[in-house]
Amino acid sequence: VETAGWCWAEGQKMGRTILADLQDEMSSPDQPAPPPSPTRQPIVLAGE
């Protein structure tokens, strides 16, 4: 668990991130496109 202030700062960051993700879609509302499938690899933890 983190503090309320930490969560607030993280929420701000996610708001800006979502807005950047949406900009192309909102500029062409008649032809919304799904977000690109992100290239992901799991982060591996080694240590009991």
PDB file of all heavy atoms in Angstrom:
ATOM      1  N   VAL A   1       0.856  -1.144   0.000  1.00  0.00           N
ATOM      2  CA  VAL A   1       0.000   0.000   0.000  1.00  0.00           C
ATOM      3  C   VAL A   1       0.910   1.217   0.000  1.00  0.00           C
ATOM      4  O   VAL A   1       1.996   1.166   0.567  1.00  0.00           O
ATOM      5  CB  VAL A   1      -0.949   0.012   1.215  1.00  0.00           C
ATOM      6  CG1 VAL A   1      -0.189   0.095   2.507  1.00  0.00           C
ATOM      7  CG2 VAL A   1      -1.994   1.083   1.142  1.00  0.00           C
ATOM      8  N   GLU A   2       0.495   2.314  -0.637  1.00  0.00           N
ATOM      9  CA  GLU A   2       1.251   3.556  -0.626  1.00  0.00           C
ATOM     10  C   GLU A   2       0.391   4.674  -0.046  1.00  0.00           C
ATOM     11  O   GLU A   2      -0.805   4.497   0.177  1.00  0.00           O
ATOM     12  CB  GLU A   2       1.708   3.927  -2.047  1.00  0.00           C
ATOM     13  CG  GLU A   2       2.744   2.998  -2.644  1.00  0.00           C
ATOM     14  CD  GLU A   2       4.106   3.110  -1.957  1.00  0.00           C
ATOM     15  OE1 GLU A   2       4.288   4.028  -1.113  1.00  0.00           O
ATOM     16  OE2 GLU A   2       4.974   2.272  -2.241  1.00  0.00           O
ATOM     17  N   THR A   3       1.006   5.831   0.170  1.00  0.00           N
ATOM     18  CA  THR A   3       0.294   6.955   0.756  1.00  0.00           C
ATOM     19  C   THR A   3      -0.706   7.543  -0.238  1.00  0.00           C
ATOM     20  O   THR A   3      -0.618   7.322  -1.450  1.00  0.00           O
ATOM     21  CB  THR A   3       1.265   8.056   1.175  1.00  0.00           C
ATOM     22  OG1 THR A   3       1.924   8.566  -0.001  1.00  0.00           O
ATOM     23  CG2 THR A   3       2.305   7.521   2.154  1.00  0.00           C
ATOM     24  N   ALA A   4      -1.641   8.337   0.285  1.00  0.00           N
ATOM     25  CA  ALA A   4      -2.612   9.002  -0.581  1.00  0.00           C
ATOM     26  C   ALA A   4      -1.917   9.922  -1.571  1.00  0.00           C
ATOM     27  O   ALA A   4      -2.296   9.992  -2.746  1.00  0.00           O
ATOM     28  CB  ALA A   4      -3.601   9.795   0.274  1.00  0.00           C
ATOM     29  N   GLY A   5      -0.870  10.622  -1.123  1.00  0.00           N
ATOM     30  CA  GLY A   5      -0.144  11.516  -2.017  1.00  0.00           C
ATOM     31  C   GLY A   5       0.543  10.784  -3.149  1.00  0.00           C
ATOM     32  O   GLY A   5       0.593  11.263  -4.284  1.00  0.00           O
ATOM     33  N   TRP A   6       1.086   9.614  -2.842  1.00  0.00           N
ATOM     34  CA  TRP A   6       1.722   8.796  -3.885  1.00  0.00           C
ATOM     35  C   TRP A   6       0.683   8.384  -4.925  1.00  0.00           C
ATOM     36  O   TRP A   6       0.917   8.475  -6.129  1.00  0.00           O
ATOM     37  CB  TRP A   6       2.363   7.564  -3.242  1.00  0.00           C
ATOM     38  CG  TRP A   6       3.054   6.653  -4.208  1.00  0.00           C
ATOM     39  CD1 TRP A   6       2.467   5.738  -5.040  1.00  0.00           C
ATOM     40  CD2 TRP A   6       4.458   6.558  -4.432  1.00  0.00           C
ATOM     41  NE1 TRP A   6       3.416   5.072  -5.771  1.00  0.00           N
ATOM     42  CE2 TRP A   6       4.656   5.559  -5.422  1.00  0.00           C
ATOM     43  CE3 TRP A   6       5.562   7.204  -3.905  1.00  0.00           C
ATOM     44  CZ2 TRP A   6       5.925   5.206  -5.885  1.00  0.00           C
ATOM     45  CZ3 TRP A   6       6.829   6.846  -4.368  1.00  0.00           C
ATOM     46  CH2 TRP A   6       6.995   5.864  -5.342  1.00  0.00           C
ATOM     47  N   CYS A   7      -0.473   7.934  -4.462  1.00  0.00           N
ATOM     48  CA  CYS A   7      -1.532   7.497  -5.379  1.00  0.00           C
ATOM     49  C   CYS A   7      -2.059   8.666  -6.211  1.00  0.00           C
ATOM     50  O   CYS A   7      -2.366   8.505  -7.397  1.00  0.00           O
ATOM     51  CB  CYS A   7      -2.664   6.846  -4.593  1.00  0.00           C
ATOM     52  SG  CYS A   7      -2.187   5.306  -3.784  1.00  0.00           S
ATOM     53  N   TRP A   8      -2.173   9.840  -5.587  1.00  0.00           N
ATOM     54  CA  TRP A   8      -2.611  11.028  -6.314  1.00  0.00           C
ATOM     55  C   TRP A   8      -1.648  11.346  -7.454  1.00  0.00           C
ATOM     56  O   TRP A   8      -2.071  11.595  -8.597  1.00  0.00           O
ATOM     57  CB  TRP A   8      -2.703  12.201  -5.341  1.00  0.00           C
ATOM     58  CG  TRP A   8      -2.970  13.523  -5.997  1.00  0.00           C
ATOM     59  CD1 TRP A   8      -4.173  14.043  -6.350  1.00  0.00           C
ATOM     60  CD2 TRP A   8      -1.982  14.505  -6.348  1.00  0.00           C
ATOM     61  NE1 TRP A   8      -4.005  15.285  -6.914  1.00  0.00           N
ATOM     62  CE2 TRP A   8      -2.678  15.589  -6.926  1.00  0.00           C
ATOM     63  CE3 TRP A   8      -0.592  14.566  -6.231  1.00  0.00           C
ATOM     64  CZ2 TRP A   8      -2.011  16.731  -7.385  1.00  0.00           C
ATOM     65  CZ3 TRP A   8       0.066  15.700  -6.691  1.00  0.00           C
ATOM     66  CH2 TRP A   8      -0.637  16.763  -7.256  1.00  0.00           C
ATOM     67  N   ALA A   9      -0.336  11.323  -7.177  1.00  0.00           N
ATOM     68  CA  ALA A   9       0.659  11.616  -8.207  1.00  0.00           C
ATOM     69  C   ALA A   9       0.610  10.568  -9.315  1.00  0.00           C
ATOM     70  O   ALA A   9       0.741  10.889 -10.512  1.00  0.00           O
ATOM     71  CB  ALA A   9       2.056  11.681  -7.589  1.00  0.00           C
ATOM     72  N   GLU A  10       0.411   9.322  -8.950  1.00  0.00           N
ATOM     73  CA  GLU A  10       0.322   8.263  -9.947  1.00  0.00           C
ATOM     74  C   GLU A  10      -0.933   8.423 -10.795  1.00  0.00           C
ATOM     75  O   GLU A  10      -0.919   8.197 -12.008  1.00  0.00           O
ATOM     76  CB  GLU A  10       0.327   6.906  -9.253  1.00  0.00           C
ATOM     77  CG  GLU A  10       0.493   5.722 -10.190  1.00  0.00           C
ATOM     78  CD  GLU A  10       0.700   4.451  -9.391  1.00  0.00           C
ATOM     79  OE1 GLU A  10       1.865   4.132  -9.083  1.00  0.00           O
ATOM     80  OE2 GLU A  10      -0.291   3.784  -9.066  1.00  0.00           O
ATOM     81  N   GLY A  11      -2.050   8.818 -10.163  1.00  0.00           N
ATOM     82  CA  GLY A  11      -3.274   9.066 -10.914  1.00  0.00           C
ATOM     83  C   GLY A  11      -3.102  10.192 -11.909  1.00  0.00           C
ATOM     84  O   GLY A  11      -3.583  10.109 -13.058  1.00  0.00           O
ATOM     85  N   GLN A  12      -2.434  11.274 -11.502  1.00  0.00           N
ATOM     86  CA  GLN A  12      -2.139  12.364 -12.432  1.00  0.00           C
ATOM     87  C   GLN A  12      -1.393  11.847 -13.653  1.00  0.00           C
ATOM     88  O   GLN A  12      -1.717  12.186 -14.800  1.00  0.00           O
ATOM     89  CB  GLN A  12      -1.292  13.431 -11.740  1.00  0.00           C
ATOM     90  CG  GLN A  12      -2.056  14.510 -11.032  1.00  0.00           C
ATOM     91  CD  GLN A  12      -1.175  15.721 -10.779  1.00  0.00           C
ATOM     92  OE1 GLN A  12       0.025  15.609 -10.519  1.00  0.00           O
ATOM     93  NE2 GLN A  12      -1.766  16.896 -10.856  1.00  0.00           N
ATOM     94  N   LYS A  13      -0.371  11.042 -13.399  1.00  0.00           N
ATOM     95  CA  LYS A  13       0.453  10.511 -14.478  1.00  0.00           C
ATOM     96  C   LYS A  13      -0.384   9.635 -15.419  1.00  0.00           C
ATOM     97  O   LYS A  13      -0.265   9.728 -16.648  1.00  0.00           O
ATOM     98  CB  LYS A  13       1.608   9.698 -13.881  1.00  0.00           C
ATOM     99  CG  LYS A  13       2.604   9.168 -14.886  1.00  0.00           C
ATOM    100  CD  LYS A  13       3.726   8.419 -14.180  1.00  0.00           C
ATOM    101  CE  LYS A  13       4.532   9.330 -13.289  1.00  0.00           C
ATOM    102  NZ  LYS A  13       5.691   8.643 -12.678  1.00  0.00           N
ATOM    103  N   MET A  14      -1.260   8.809 -14.854  1.00  0.00           N
ATOM    104  CA  MET A  14      -2.091   7.959 -15.699  1.00  0.00           C
ATOM    105  C   MET A  14      -3.108   8.773 -16.501  1.00  0.00           C
ATOM    106  O   MET A  14      -3.436   8.442 -17.633  1.00  0.00           O
ATOM    107  CB  MET A  14      -2.810   6.911 -14.851  1.00  0.00           C
ATOM    108  CG  MET A  14      -1.938   5.753 -14.416  1.00  0.00           C
ATOM    109  SD  MET A  14      -1.217   4.825 -15.815  1.00  0.00           S
ATOM    110  CE  MET A  14       0.436   5.542 -15.874  1.00  0.00           C
ATOM    111  N   GLY A  15      -3.609   9.870 -15.907  1.00  0.00           N
ATOM    112  CA  GLY A  15      -4.511  10.733 -16.652  1.00  0.00           C
ATOM    113  C   GLY A  15      -3.840  11.295 -17.893  1.00  0.00           C
ATOM    114  O   GLY A  15      -4.416  11.295 -18.996  1.00  0.00           O
ATOM    115  N   ARG A  16      -2.609  11.776 -17.741  1.00  0.00           N
ATOM    116  CA  ARG A  16      -1.874  12.312 -18.884  1.00  0.00           C
ATOM    117  C   ARG A  16      -1.557  11.232 -19.901  1.00  0.00           C
ATOM    118  O   ARG A  16      -1.592  11.467 -21.117  1.00  0.00           O
ATOM    119  CB  ARG A  16      -0.587  12.969 -18.383  1.00  0.00           C
ATOM    120  CG  ARG A  16      -0.827  14.190 -17.503  1.00  0.00           C
ATOM    121  CD  ARG A  16       0.431  14.601 -16.782  1.00  0.00           C
ATOM    122  NE  ARG A  16       0.167  15.665 -15.811  1.00  0.00           N
ATOM    123  CZ  ARG A  16       0.935  15.929 -14.776  1.00  0.00           C
ATOM    124  NH1 ARG A  16       2.022  15.192 -14.549  1.00  0.00           N
ATOM    125  NH2 ARG A  16       0.638  16.915 -13.954  1.00  0.00           N
ATOM    126  N   THR A  17      -1.246  10.039 -19.417  1.00  0.00           N
ATOM    127  CA  THR A  17      -0.926   8.932 -20.317  1.00  0.00           C
ATOM    128  C   THR A  17      -2.147   8.521 -21.133  1.00  0.00           C
ATOM    129  O   THR A  17      -2.055   8.297 -22.348  1.00  0.00           O
ATOM    130  CB  THR A  17      -0.406   7.737 -19.498  1.00  0.00           C
ATOM    131  OG1 THR A  17       0.749   8.140 -18.764  1.00  0.00           O
ATOM    132  CG2 THR A  17      -0.051   6.571 -20.399  1.00  0.00           C
ATOM    133  N   ILE A  18      -3.297   8.414 -20.488  1.00  0.00           N
ATOM    134  CA  ILE A  18      -4.525   8.049 -21.193  1.00  0.00           C
ATOM    135  C   ILE A  18      -4.886   9.126 -22.213  1.00  0.00           C
ATOM    136  O   ILE A  18      -5.306   8.820 -23.346  1.00  0.00           O
ATOM    137  CB  ILE A  18      -5.670   7.843 -20.190  1.00  0.00           C
ATOM    138  CG1 ILE A  18      -5.406   6.593 -19.336  1.00  0.00           C
ATOM    139  CG2 ILE A  18      -7.017   7.709 -20.902  1.00  0.00           C
ATOM    140  CD1 ILE A  18      -6.349   6.428 -18.160  1.00  0.00           C
ATOM    141  N   LEU A  19      -4.715  10.388 -21.849  1.00  0.00           N
ATOM    142  CA  LEU A  19      -5.028  11.472 -22.778  1.00  0.00           C
ATOM    143  C   LEU A  19      -4.165  11.388 -24.026  1.00  0.00           C
ATOM    144  O   LEU A  19      -4.660  11.523 -25.152  1.00  0.00           O
ATOM    145  CB  LEU A  19      -4.820  12.827 -22.092  1.00  0.00           C
ATOM    146  CG  LEU A  19      -5.141  14.061 -22.930  1.00  0.00           C
ATOM    147  CD1 LEU A  19      -6.606  14.058 -23.355  1.00  0.00           C
ATOM    148  CD2 LEU A  19      -4.802  15.327 -22.165  1.00  0.00           C
ATOM    149  N   ALA A  20      -2.872  11.152 -23.857  1.00  0.00           N
ATOM    150  CA  ALA A  20      -1.995  11.001 -25.018  1.00  0.00           C
ATOM    151  C   ALA A  20      -2.411   9.815 -25.876  1.00  0.00           C
ATOM    152  O   ALA A  20      -2.370   9.879 -27.114  1.00  0.00           O
ATOM    153  CB  ALA A  20      -0.547  10.846 -24.545  1.00  0.00           C
ATOM    154  N   ASP A  21      -2.834   8.741 -25.241  1.00  0.00           N
ATOM    155  CA  ASP A  21      -3.288   7.549 -25.958  1.00  0.00           C
ATOM    156  C   ASP A  21      -4.549   7.837 -26.776  1.00  0.00           C
ATOM    157  O   ASP A  21      -4.739   7.312 -27.872  1.00  0.00           O
ATOM    158  CB  ASP A  21      -3.553   6.443 -24.935  1.00  0.00           C
ATOM    159  CG  ASP A  21      -3.930   5.118 -25.572  1.00  0.00           C
ATOM    160  OD1 ASP A  21      -3.662   4.922 -26.764  1.00  0.00           O
ATOM    161  OD2 ASP A  21      -4.508   4.283 -24.859  1.00  0.00           O
ATOM    162  N   LEU A  22      -5.389   8.725 -26.256  1.00  0.00           N
ATOM    163  CA  LEU A  22      -6.685   9.005 -26.889  1.00  0.00           C
ATOM    164  C   LEU A  22      -6.639  10.066 -27.972  1.00  0.00           C
ATOM    165  O   LEU A  22      -7.598  10.190 -28.745  1.00  0.00           O
ATOM    166  CB  LEU A  22      -7.685   9.471 -25.822  1.00  0.00           C
ATOM    167  CG  LEU A  22      -8.377   8.408 -24.980  1.00  0.00           C
ATOM    168  CD1 LEU A  22      -9.222   9.084 -23.906  1.00  0.00           C
ATOM    169  CD2 LEU A  22      -9.241   7.511 -25.840  1.00  0.00           C
ATOM    170  N   GLN A  23      -5.585  10.839 -28.063  1.00  0.00           N
ATOM    171  CA  GLN A  23      -5.601  12.017 -28.920  1.00  0.00           C
ATOM    172  C   GLN A  23      -5.930  11.711 -30.375  1.00  0.00           C
ATOM    173  O   GLN A  23      -6.737  12.399 -30.997  1.00  0.00           O
ATOM    174  CB  GLN A  23      -4.264  12.760 -28.815  1.00  0.00           C
ATOM    175  CG  GLN A  23      -4.145  13.582 -27.538  1.00  0.00           C
ATOM    176  CD  GLN A  23      -2.821  14.280 -27.409  1.00  0.00           C
ATOM    177  OE1 GLN A  23      -1.827  13.883 -28.017  1.00  0.00           O
ATOM    178  NE2 GLN A  23      -2.784  15.327 -26.602  1.00  0.00           N
ATOM    179  N   ASP A  24      -5.322  10.695 -30.945  1.00  0.00           N
ATOM    180  CA  ASP A  24      -5.603  10.354 -32.349  1.00  0.00           C
ATOM    181  C   ASP A  24      -7.050   9.930 -32.531  1.00  0.00           C
ATOM    182  O   ASP A  24      -7.704  10.303 -33.513  1.00  0.00           O
ATOM    183  CB  ASP A  24      -4.665   9.250 -32.827  1.00  0.00           C
ATOM    184  CG  ASP A  24      -3.233   9.726 -32.951  1.00  0.00           C
ATOM    185  OD1 ASP A  24      -3.040  10.958 -33.047  1.00  0.00           O
ATOM    186  OD2 ASP A  24      -2.331   8.879 -32.951  1.00  0.00           O
ATOM    187  N   GLU A  25      -7.571   9.164 -31.592  1.00  0.00           N
ATOM    188  CA  GLU A  25      -8.961   8.714 -31.695  1.00  0.00           C
ATOM    189  C   GLU A  25      -9.934   9.872 -31.627  1.00  0.00           C
ATOM    190  O   GLU A  25     -10.889   9.953 -32.384  1.00  0.00           O
ATOM    191  CB  GLU A  25      -9.271   7.722 -30.566  1.00  0.00           C
ATOM    192  CG  GLU A  25      -9.273   6.284 -31.018  1.00  0.00           C
ATOM    193  CD  GLU A  25      -9.635   5.348 -29.894  1.00  0.00           C
ATOM    194  OE1 GLU A  25     -10.768   5.429 -29.403  1.00  0.00           O
ATOM    195  OE2 GLU A  25      -8.771   4.543 -29.517  1.00  0.00           O
ATOM    196  N   MET A  26      -9.684  10.790 -30.716  1.00  0.00           N
ATOM    197  CA  MET A  26     -10.606  11.907 -30.526  1.00  0.00           C
ATOM    198  C   MET A  26     -10.552  12.896 -31.684  1.00  0.00           C
ATOM    199  O   MET A  26     -11.520  13.598 -31.951  1.00  0.00           O
ATOM    200  CB  MET A  26     -10.310  12.612 -29.204  1.00  0.00           C
ATOM    201  CG  MET A  26     -10.651  11.757 -27.990  1.00  0.00           C
ATOM    202  SD  MET A  26     -10.626  12.682 -26.423  1.00  0.00           S
ATOM    203  CE  MET A  26      -8.931  13.216 -26.371  1.00  0.00           C
ATOM    204  N   SER A  27      -9.414  12.939 -32.392  1.00  0.00           N
ATOM    205  CA  SER A  27      -9.334  13.826 -33.548  1.00  0.00           C
ATOM    206  C   SER A  27     -10.094  13.276 -34.746  1.00  0.00           C
ATOM    207  O   SER A  27     -10.432  14.010 -35.673  1.00  0.00           O
ATOM    208  CB  SER A  27      -7.866  14.064 -33.930  1.00  0.00           C
ATOM    209  OG  SER A  27      -7.256  12.842 -34.322  1.00  0.00           O
ATOM    210  N   SER A  28     -10.386  11.954 -34.748  1.00  0.00           N
ATOM    211  CA  SER A  28     -11.165  11.323 -35.822  1.00  0.00           C
ATOM    212  C   SER A  28     -12.254  10.462 -35.198  1.00  0.00           C
ATOM    213  O   SER A  28     -12.193   9.228 -35.239  1.00  0.00           O
ATOM    214  CB  SER A  28     -10.256  10.466 -36.718  1.00  0.00           C
ATOM    215  OG  SER A  28      -9.211  11.228 -37.248  1.00  0.00           O
ATOM    216  N   PRO A  29     -13.265  11.115 -34.594  1.00  0.00           N
ATOM    217  CA  PRO A  29     -14.261  10.357 -33.828  1.00  0.00           C
ATOM    218  C   PRO A  29     -15.084   9.393 -34.669  1.00  0.00           C
ATOM    219  O   PRO A  29     -15.633   8.430 -34.141  1.00  0.00           O
ATOM    220  CB  PRO A  29     -15.143  11.450 -33.219  1.00  0.00           C
ATOM    221  CG  PRO A  29     -14.935  12.640 -34.096  1.00  0.00           C
ATOM    222  CD  PRO A  29     -13.538  12.559 -34.593  1.00  0.00           C
ATOM    223  N   ASP A  30     -15.185   9.651 -35.971  1.00  0.00           N
ATOM    224  CA  ASP A  30     -15.984   8.760 -36.811  1.00  0.00           C
ATOM    225  C   ASP A  30     -15.248   7.478 -37.167  1.00  0.00           C
ATOM    226  O   ASP A  30     -15.857   6.519 -37.637  1.00  0.00           O
ATOM    227  CB  ASP A  30     -16.393   9.488 -38.106  1.00  0.00           C
ATOM    228  CG  ASP A  30     -17.304  10.669 -37.825  1.00  0.00           C
ATOM    229  OD1 ASP A  30     -18.033  10.611 -36.802  1.00  0.00           O
ATOM    230  OD2 ASP A  30     -17.273  11.629 -38.599  1.00  0.00           O
ATOM    231  N   GLN A  31     -13.950   7.475 -36.987  1.00  0.00           N
ATOM    232  CA  GLN A  31     -13.164   6.287 -37.322  1.00  0.00           C
ATOM    233  C   GLN A  31     -12.229   5.939 -36.160  1.00  0.00           C
ATOM    234  O   GLN A  31     -11.008   6.029 -36.284  1.00  0.00           O
ATOM    235  CB  GLN A  31     -12.345   6.520 -38.598  1.00  0.00           C
ATOM    236  CG  GLN A  31     -13.221   6.705 -39.842  1.00  0.00           C
ATOM    237  CD  GLN A  31     -12.386   6.920 -41.079  1.00  0.00           C
ATOM    238  OE1 GLN A  31     -11.254   7.381 -41.031  1.00  0.00           O
ATOM    239  NE2 GLN A  31     -12.933   6.569 -42.229  1.00  0.00           N
ATOM    240  N   PRO A  32     -12.812   5.571 -35.035  1.00  0.00           N
ATOM    241  CA  PRO A  32     -11.947   5.233 -33.896  1.00  0.00           C
ATOM    242  C   PRO A  32     -11.136   3.976 -34.171  1.00  0.00           C
ATOM    243  O   PRO A  32     -11.628   3.028 -34.787  1.00  0.00           O
ATOM    244  CB  PRO A  32     -12.941   5.017 -32.753  1.00  0.00           C
ATOM    245  CG  PRO A  32     -14.220   4.634 -33.421  1.00  0.00           C
ATOM    246  CD  PRO A  32     -14.242   5.381 -34.735  1.00  0.00           C
ATOM    247  N   ALA A  33      -9.920   4.014 -33.755  1.00  0.00           N
ATOM    248  CA  ALA A  33      -9.041   2.848 -33.940  1.00  0.00           C
ATOM    249  C   ALA A  33      -8.636   2.324 -32.575  1.00  0.00           C
ATOM    250  O   ALA A  33      -8.420   3.092 -31.650  1.00  0.00           O
ATOM    251  CB  ALA A  33      -7.792   3.241 -34.727  1.00  0.00           C
ATOM    252  N   PRO A  34      -8.548   1.014 -32.450  1.00  0.00           N
ATOM    253  CA  PRO A  34      -8.110   0.464 -31.166  1.00  0.00           C
ATOM    254  C   PRO A  34      -6.655   0.815 -30.918  1.00  0.00           C
ATOM    255  O   PRO A  34      -5.893   1.057 -31.851  1.00  0.00           O
ATOM    256  CB  PRO A  34      -8.293  -1.050 -31.352  1.00  0.00           C
ATOM    257  CG  PRO A  34      -8.193  -1.268 -32.818  1.00  0.00           C
ATOM    258  CD  PRO A  34      -8.776  -0.043 -33.451  1.00  0.00           C
ATOM    259  N   PRO A  35      -6.235   0.871 -29.669  1.00  0.00           N
ATOM    260  CA  PRO A  35      -4.821   1.156 -29.391  1.00  0.00           C
ATOM    261  C   PRO A  35      -3.948   0.025 -29.914  1.00  0.00           C
ATOM    262  O   PRO A  35      -4.401  -1.125 -30.024  1.00  0.00           O
ATOM    263  CB  PRO A  35      -4.778   1.225 -27.860  1.00  0.00           C
ATOM    264  CG  PRO A  35      -5.944   0.414 -27.408  1.00  0.00           C
ATOM    265  CD  PRO A  35      -7.001   0.617 -28.453  1.00  0.00           C
ATOM    266  N   PRO A  36      -2.734   0.342 -30.303  1.00  0.00           N
ATOM    267  CA  PRO A  36      -1.858  -0.717 -30.807  1.00  0.00           C
ATOM    268  C   PRO A  36      -1.579  -1.746 -29.727  1.00  0.00           C
ATOM    269  O   PRO A  36      -1.502  -1.418 -28.547  1.00  0.00           O
ATOM    270  CB  PRO A  36      -0.576   0.039 -31.192  1.00  0.00           C
ATOM    271  CG  PRO A  36      -0.614   1.282 -30.364  1.00  0.00           C
ATOM    272  CD  PRO A  36      -2.062   1.641 -30.222  1.00  0.00           C
ATOM    273  N   SER A  37      -1.459  -2.987 -30.129  1.00  0.00           N
ATOM    274  CA  SER A  37      -1.121  -4.030 -29.162  1.00  0.00           C
ATOM    275  C   SER A  37       0.314  -3.817 -28.697  1.00  0.00           C
ATOM    276  O   SER A  37       1.240  -3.844 -29.515  1.00  0.00           O
ATOM    277  CB  SER A  37      -1.266  -5.420 -29.795  1.00  0.00           C
ATOM    278  OG  SER A  37      -2.596  -5.637 -30.172  1.00  0.00           O
ATOM    279  N   PRO A  38       0.524  -3.541 -27.427  1.00  0.00           N
ATOM    280  CA  PRO A  38       1.887  -3.254 -26.962  1.00  0.00           C
ATOM    281  C   PRO A  38       2.756  -4.502 -27.001  1.00  0.00           C
ATOM    282  O   PRO A  38       2.284  -5.623 -26.794  1.00  0.00           O
ATOM    283  CB  PRO A  38       1.670  -2.784 -25.524  1.00  0.00           C
ATOM    284  CG  PRO A  38       0.376  -3.404 -25.111  1.00  0.00           C
ATOM    285  CD  PRO A  38      -0.469  -3.493 -26.356  1.00  0.00           C
ATOM    286  N   THR A  39       4.028  -4.287 -27.312  1.00  0.00           N
ATOM    287  CA  THR A  39       4.985  -5.388 -27.262  1.00  0.00           C
ATOM    288  C   THR A  39       5.375  -5.595 -25.807  1.00  0.00           C
ATOM    289  O   THR A  39       5.954  -4.710 -25.188  1.00  0.00           O
ATOM    290  CB  THR A  39       6.226  -5.057 -28.109  1.00  0.00           C
ATOM    291  OG1 THR A  39       5.817  -4.798 -29.436  1.00  0.00           O
ATOM    292  CG2 THR A  39       7.215  -6.206 -28.078  1.00  0.00           C
ATOM    293  N   ARG A  40       5.046  -6.742 -25.254  1.00  0.00           N
ATOM    294  CA  ARG A  40       5.261  -6.982 -23.831  1.00  0.00           C
ATOM    295  C   ARG A  40       6.111  -8.233 -23.622  1.00  0.00           C
ATOM    296  O   ARG A  40       5.983  -9.216 -24.343  1.00  0.00           O
ATOM    297  CB  ARG A  40       3.937  -7.220 -23.100  1.00  0.00           C
ATOM    298  CG  ARG A  40       2.845  -6.214 -23.341  1.00  0.00           C
ATOM    299  CD  ARG A  40       1.538  -6.812 -22.835  1.00  0.00           C
ATOM    300  NE  ARG A  40       0.388  -5.980 -23.105  1.00  0.00           N
ATOM    301  CZ  ARG A  40      -0.150  -5.134 -22.240  1.00  0.00           C
ATOM    302  NH1 ARG A  40       0.374  -5.005 -21.051  1.00  0.00           N
ATOM    303  NH2 ARG A  40      -1.203  -4.423 -22.550  1.00  0.00           N
ATOM    304  N   GLN A  41       6.924  -8.157 -22.596  1.00  0.00           N
ATOM    305  CA  GLN A  41       7.604  -9.346 -22.101  1.00  0.00           C
ATOM    306  C   GLN A  41       7.537  -9.311 -20.580  1.00  0.00           C
ATOM    307  O   GLN A  41       7.719  -8.245 -19.969  1.00  0.00           O
ATOM    308  CB  GLN A  41       9.066  -9.375 -22.551  1.00  0.00           C
ATOM    309  CG  GLN A  41       9.247  -9.469 -24.060  1.00  0.00           C
ATOM    310  CD  GLN A  41      10.695  -9.693 -24.428  1.00  0.00           C
ATOM    311  OE1 GLN A  41      11.262 -10.753 -24.177  1.00  0.00           O
ATOM    312  NE2 GLN A  41      11.306  -8.682 -25.027  1.00  0.00           N
ATOM    313  N   PRO A  42       7.267 -10.430 -19.948  1.00  0.00           N
ATOM    314  CA  PRO A  42       7.178 -10.426 -18.487  1.00  0.00           C
ATOM    315  C   PRO A  42       8.528 -10.134 -17.845  1.00  0.00           C
ATOM    316  O   PRO A  42       9.573 -10.561 -18.338  1.00  0.00           O
ATOM    317  CB  PRO A  42       6.698 -11.844 -18.155  1.00  0.00           C
ATOM    318  CG  PRO A  42       7.080 -12.678 -19.336  1.00  0.00           C
ATOM    319  CD  PRO A  42       7.012 -11.765 -20.521  1.00  0.00           C
ATOM    320  N   ILE A  43       8.498  -9.388 -16.742  1.00  0.00           N
ATOM    321  CA  ILE A  43       9.699  -9.123 -15.961  1.00  0.00           C
ATOM    322  C   ILE A  43       9.869 -10.277 -14.978  1.00  0.00           C
ATOM    323  O   ILE A  43       8.975 -10.580 -14.187  1.00  0.00           O
ATOM    324  CB  ILE A  43       9.588  -7.785 -15.227  1.00  0.00           C
ATOM    325  CG1 ILE A  43       9.431  -6.643 -16.238  1.00  0.00           C
ATOM    326  CG2 ILE A  43      10.808  -7.558 -14.335  1.00  0.00           C
ATOM    327  CD1 ILE A  43       9.131  -5.299 -15.610  1.00  0.00           C
ATOM    328  N   VAL A  44      11.000 -10.938 -15.038  1.00  0.00           N
ATOM    329  CA  VAL A  44      11.252 -12.150 -14.260  1.00  0.00           C
ATOM    330  C   VAL A  44      11.960 -11.788 -12.955  1.00  0.00           C
ATOM    331  O   VAL A  44      12.931 -11.013 -12.954  1.00  0.00           O
ATOM    332  CB  VAL A  44      12.100 -13.141 -15.073  1.00  0.00           C
ATOM    333  CG1 VAL A  44      12.425 -14.388 -14.238  1.00  0.00           C
ATOM    334  CG2 VAL A  44      11.371 -13.542 -16.356  1.00  0.00           C
ATOM    335  N   LEU A  45      11.477 -12.343 -11.850  1.00  0.00           N
ATOM    336  CA  LEU A  45      12.114 -12.167 -10.541  1.00  0.00           C
ATOM    337  C   LEU A  45      12.883 -13.426 -10.173  1.00  0.00           C
ATOM    338  O   LEU A  45      12.356 -14.540 -10.296  1.00  0.00           O
ATOM    339  CB  LEU A  45      11.068 -11.876  -9.465  1.00  0.00           C
ATOM    340  CG  LEU A  45      10.237 -10.601  -9.619  1.00  0.00           C
ATOM    341  CD1 LEU A  45       9.291 -10.464  -8.427  1.00  0.00           C
ATOM    342  CD2 LEU A  45      11.112  -9.373  -9.752  1.00  0.00           C
ATOM    343  N   ALA A  46      14.118 -13.251  -9.713  1.00  0.00           N
ATOM    344  CA  ALA A  46      14.940 -14.377  -9.276  1.00  0.00           C
ATOM    345  C   ALA A  46      15.428 -14.095  -7.859  1.00  0.00           C
ATOM    346  O   ALA A  46      16.257 -13.204  -7.649  1.00  0.00           O
ATOM    347  CB  ALA A  46      16.114 -14.586 -10.220  1.00  0.00           C
ATOM    348  N   GLY A  47      14.892 -14.824  -6.921  1.00  0.00           N
ATOM    349  CA  GLY A  47      15.242 -14.631  -5.514  1.00  0.00           C
ATOM    350  C   GLY A  47      14.047 -14.977  -4.656  1.00  0.00           C
ATOM    351  O   GLY A  47      12.968 -14.414  -4.841  1.00  0.00           O
ATOM    352  N   GLU A  48      14.222 -15.910  -3.711  1.00  0.00           N
ATOM    353  CA  GLU A  48      13.092 -16.405  -2.921  1.00  0.00           C
ATOM    354  C   GLU A  48      12.415 -15.312  -2.110  1.00  0.00           C
ATOM    355  O   GLU A  48      11.219 -15.388  -1.836  1.00  0.00           O
ATOM    356  CB  GLU A  48      13.558 -17.522  -1.986  1.00  0.00           C
ATOM    357  CG  GLU A  48      13.965 -18.803  -2.707  1.00  0.00           C
ATOM    358  CD  GLU A  48      14.384 -19.889  -1.739  1.00  0.00           C
ATOM    359  OE1 GLU A  48      14.372 -19.614  -0.510  1.00  0.00           O
ATOM    360  OE2 GLU A  48      14.733 -20.990  -2.189  1.00  0.00           O
TER     361      GLU A  48
END
